[in-house]
Amino acid sequence: MNTKKYIVRLTDEERAMLKDLTDKGKAAAAKIKHANVLLKI
């Protein structure tokens, strides 16, 4: 089974916002999970 791979380019500002979201841990679990996925790419 082939999985689709997407190229995601984040600006420094977007990366900082996602990092802040995951560090605080105050957002919904799904939102934090999505942020972590984007940061690992």
PDB file of N, CA and C in Angstrom:
ATOM      1  N   MET A   1       0.835  -1.171   0.000  1.00  0.00           N
ATOM      2  CA  MET A   1       0.000   0.000   0.000  1.00  0.00           C
ATOM      3  C   MET A   1       0.887   1.244   0.000  1.00  0.00           C
ATOM      4  N   ASN A   2       0.644   2.123  -0.943  1.00  0.00           N
ATOM      5  CA  ASN A   2       1.421   3.357  -1.033  1.00  0.00           C
ATOM      6  C   ASN A   2       0.780   4.446  -0.196  1.00  0.00           C
ATOM      7  N   THR A   3       1.593   5.100   0.582  1.00  0.00           N
ATOM      8  CA  THR A   3       1.085   6.247   1.330  1.00  0.00           C
ATOM      9  C   THR A   3       1.532   7.511   0.636  1.00  0.00           C
ATOM     10  N   LYS A   4       0.670   8.492   0.632  1.00  0.00           N
ATOM     11  CA  LYS A   4       1.008   9.754  -0.008  1.00  0.00           C
ATOM     12  C   LYS A   4       1.957  10.528   0.885  1.00  0.00           C
ATOM     13  N   LYS A   5       2.955  11.127   0.267  1.00  0.00           N
ATOM     14  CA  LYS A   5       3.901  11.954   1.002  1.00  0.00           C
ATOM     15  C   LYS A   5       3.769  13.374   0.499  1.00  0.00           C
ATOM     16  N   TYR A   6       3.717  14.281   1.417  1.00  0.00           N
ATOM     17  CA  TYR A   6       3.567  15.684   1.070  1.00  0.00           C
ATOM     18  C   TYR A   6       4.783  16.455   1.558  1.00  0.00           C
ATOM     19  N   ILE A   7       5.183  17.425   0.791  1.00  0.00           N
ATOM     20  CA  ILE A   7       6.273  18.301   1.205  1.00  0.00           C
ATOM     21  C   ILE A   7       5.646  19.508   1.891  1.00  0.00           C
ATOM     22  N   VAL A   8       6.007  19.700   3.141  1.00  0.00           N
ATOM     23  CA  VAL A   8       5.469  20.814   3.915  1.00  0.00           C
ATOM     24  C   VAL A   8       6.623  21.730   4.274  1.00  0.00           C
ATOM     25  N   ARG A   9       6.513  22.969   3.853  1.00  0.00           N
ATOM     26  CA  ARG A   9       7.544  23.953   4.178  1.00  0.00           C
ATOM     27  C   ARG A   9       6.945  24.970   5.132  1.00  0.00           C
ATOM     28  N   LEU A  10       7.503  25.031   6.332  1.00  0.00           N
ATOM     29  CA  LEU A  10       7.015  25.966   7.337  1.00  0.00           C
ATOM     30  C   LEU A  10       7.964  27.148   7.441  1.00  0.00           C
ATOM     31  N   THR A  11       7.388  28.318   7.616  1.00  0.00           N
ATOM     32  CA  THR A  11       8.222  29.489   7.867  1.00  0.00           C
ATOM     33  C   THR A  11       8.698  29.415   9.312  1.00  0.00           C
ATOM     34  N   ASP A  12       9.681  30.228   9.646  1.00  0.00           N
ATOM     35  CA  ASP A  12      10.171  30.261  11.024  1.00  0.00           C
ATOM     36  C   ASP A  12       9.052  30.648  11.982  1.00  0.00           C
ATOM     37  N   GLU A  13       8.189  31.560  11.533  1.00  0.00           N
ATOM     38  CA  GLU A  13       7.073  32.014  12.365  1.00  0.00           C
ATOM     39  C   GLU A  13       6.072  30.878  12.609  1.00  0.00           C
ATOM     40  N   GLU A  14       5.759  30.127  11.568  1.00  0.00           N
ATOM     41  CA  GLU A  14       4.831  28.998  11.701  1.00  0.00           C
ATOM     42  C   GLU A  14       5.424  27.915  12.592  1.00  0.00           C
ATOM     43  N   ARG A  15       6.704  27.637  12.410  1.00  0.00           N
ATOM     44  CA  ARG A  15       7.379  26.621  13.230  1.00  0.00           C
ATOM     45  C   ARG A  15       7.375  27.026  14.705  1.00  0.00           C
ATOM     46  N   ALA A  16       7.625  28.311  14.973  1.00  0.00           N
ATOM     47  CA  ALA A  16       7.635  28.809  16.349  1.00  0.00           C
ATOM     48  C   ALA A  16       6.241  28.702  16.968  1.00  0.00           C
ATOM     49  N   MET A  17       5.210  29.008  16.180  1.00  0.00           N
ATOM     50  CA  MET A  17       3.840  28.932  16.680  1.00  0.00           C
ATOM     51  C   MET A  17       3.477  27.489  17.042  1.00  0.00           C
ATOM     52  N   LEU A  18       3.850  26.535  16.178  1.00  0.00           N
ATOM     53  CA  LEU A  18       3.559  25.129  16.447  1.00  0.00           C
ATOM     54  C   LEU A  18       4.353  24.628  17.653  1.00  0.00           C
ATOM     55  N   LYS A  19       5.601  25.042  17.751  1.00  0.00           N
ATOM     56  CA  LYS A  19       6.446  24.642  18.884  1.00  0.00           C
ATOM     57  C   LYS A  19       5.852  25.163  20.188  1.00  0.00           C
ATOM     58  N   ASP A  20       5.394  26.417  20.161  1.00  0.00           N
ATOM     59  CA  ASP A  20       4.777  27.030  21.333  1.00  0.00           C
ATOM     60  C   ASP A  20       3.512  26.273  21.725  1.00  0.00           C
ATOM     61  N   LEU A  21       2.721  25.892  20.742  1.00  0.00           N
ATOM     62  CA  LEU A  21       1.478  25.158  20.981  1.00  0.00           C
ATOM     63  C   LEU A  21       1.761  23.825  21.668  1.00  0.00           C
ATOM     64  N   THR A  22       2.798  23.123  21.207  1.00  0.00           N
ATOM     65  CA  THR A  22       3.105  21.809  21.778  1.00  0.00           C
ATOM     66  C   THR A  22       3.784  21.929  23.142  1.00  0.00           C
ATOM     67  N   ASP A  23       4.574  22.958  23.342  1.00  0.00           N
ATOM     68  CA  ASP A  23       5.268  23.125  24.620  1.00  0.00           C
ATOM     69  C   ASP A  23       4.305  23.452  25.759  1.00  0.00           C
ATOM     70  N   LYS A  24       3.315  24.286  25.480  1.00  0.00           N
ATOM     71  CA  LYS A  24       2.363  24.682  26.521  1.00  0.00           C
ATOM     72  C   LYS A  24       1.434  23.540  26.892  1.00  0.00           C
ATOM     73  N   GLY A  25       1.013  22.757  25.898  1.00  0.00           N
ATOM     74  CA  GLY A  25       0.141  21.623  26.165  1.00  0.00           C
ATOM     75  C   GLY A  25      -1.262  22.009  26.583  1.00  0.00           C
ATOM     76  N   LYS A  26      -1.682  23.239  26.295  1.00  0.00           N
ATOM     77  CA  LYS A  26      -3.007  23.712  26.708  1.00  0.00           C
ATOM     78  C   LYS A  26      -4.070  23.489  25.630  1.00  0.00           C
ATOM     79  N   ALA A  27      -3.667  23.116  24.429  1.00  0.00           N
ATOM     80  CA  ALA A  27      -4.609  22.925  23.322  1.00  0.00           C
ATOM     81  C   ALA A  27      -5.193  21.513  23.378  1.00  0.00           C
ATOM     82  N   ALA A  28      -6.168  21.278  22.524  1.00  0.00           N
ATOM     83  CA  ALA A  28      -6.777  19.948  22.432  1.00  0.00           C
ATOM     84  C   ALA A  28      -5.726  18.929  21.995  1.00  0.00           C
ATOM     85  N   ALA A  29      -5.888  17.710  22.444  1.00  0.00           N
ATOM     86  CA  ALA A  29      -4.907  16.659  22.164  1.00  0.00           C
ATOM     87  C   ALA A  29      -4.707  16.453  20.665  1.00  0.00           C
ATOM     88  N   ALA A  30      -5.787  16.486  19.899  1.00  0.00           N
ATOM     89  CA  ALA A  30      -5.675  16.288  18.450  1.00  0.00           C
ATOM     90  C   ALA A  30      -4.873  17.407  17.804  1.00  0.00           C
ATOM     91  N   LYS A  31      -5.067  18.622  18.286  1.00  0.00           N
ATOM     92  CA  LYS A  31      -4.341  19.771  17.731  1.00  0.00           C
ATOM     93  C   LYS A  31      -2.844  19.651  18.030  1.00  0.00           C
ATOM     94  N   ILE A  32      -2.512  19.213  19.221  1.00  0.00           N
ATOM     95  CA  ILE A  32      -1.110  19.027  19.602  1.00  0.00           C
ATOM     96  C   ILE A  32      -0.490  17.908  18.769  1.00  0.00           C
ATOM     97  N   LYS A  33      -1.249  16.847  18.550  1.00  0.00           N
ATOM     98  CA  LYS A  33      -0.762  15.719  17.742  1.00  0.00           C
ATOM     99  C   LYS A  33      -0.468  16.168  16.312  1.00  0.00           C
ATOM    100  N   HIS A  34      -1.369  16.943  15.727  1.00  0.00           N
ATOM    101  CA  HIS A  34      -1.157  17.454  14.368  1.00  0.00           C
ATOM    102  C   HIS A  34       0.057  18.368  14.315  1.00  0.00           C
ATOM    103  N   ALA A  35       0.220  19.201  15.336  1.00  0.00           N
ATOM    104  CA  ALA A  35       1.375  20.099  15.385  1.00  0.00           C
ATOM    105  C   ALA A  35       2.667  19.297  15.450  1.00  0.00           C
ATOM    106  N   ASN A  36       2.679  18.243  16.254  1.00  0.00           N
ATOM    107  CA  ASN A  36       3.874  17.404  16.360  1.00  0.00           C
ATOM    108  C   ASN A  36       4.202  16.726  15.037  1.00  0.00           C
ATOM    109  N   VAL A  37       3.190  16.289  14.315  1.00  0.00           N
ATOM    110  CA  VAL A  37       3.410  15.658  13.008  1.00  0.00           C
ATOM    111  C   VAL A  37       4.056  16.655  12.062  1.00  0.00           C
ATOM    112  N   LEU A  38       3.544  17.880  12.025  1.00  0.00           N
ATOM    113  CA  LEU A  38       4.109  18.896  11.138  1.00  0.00           C
ATOM    114  C   LEU A  38       5.538  19.257  11.529  1.00  0.00           C
ATOM    115  N   LEU A  39       5.825  19.285  12.815  1.00  0.00           N
ATOM    116  CA  LEU A  39       7.170  19.641  13.266  1.00  0.00           C
ATOM    117  C   LEU A  39       8.182  18.540  12.960  1.00  0.00           C
ATOM    118  N   LYS A  40       7.756  17.305  12.889  1.00  0.00           N
ATOM    119  CA  LYS A  40       8.683  16.198  12.634  1.00  0.00           C
ATOM    120  C   LYS A  40       9.060  16.070  11.166  1.00  0.00           C
ATOM    121  N   ILE A  41       8.272  16.669  10.289  1.00  0.00           N
ATOM    122  CA  ILE A  41       8.543  16.560   8.849  1.00  0.00           C
ATOM    123  C   ILE A  41       9.762  17.370   8.492  1.00  0.00           C
TER     124      ILE A  41
END
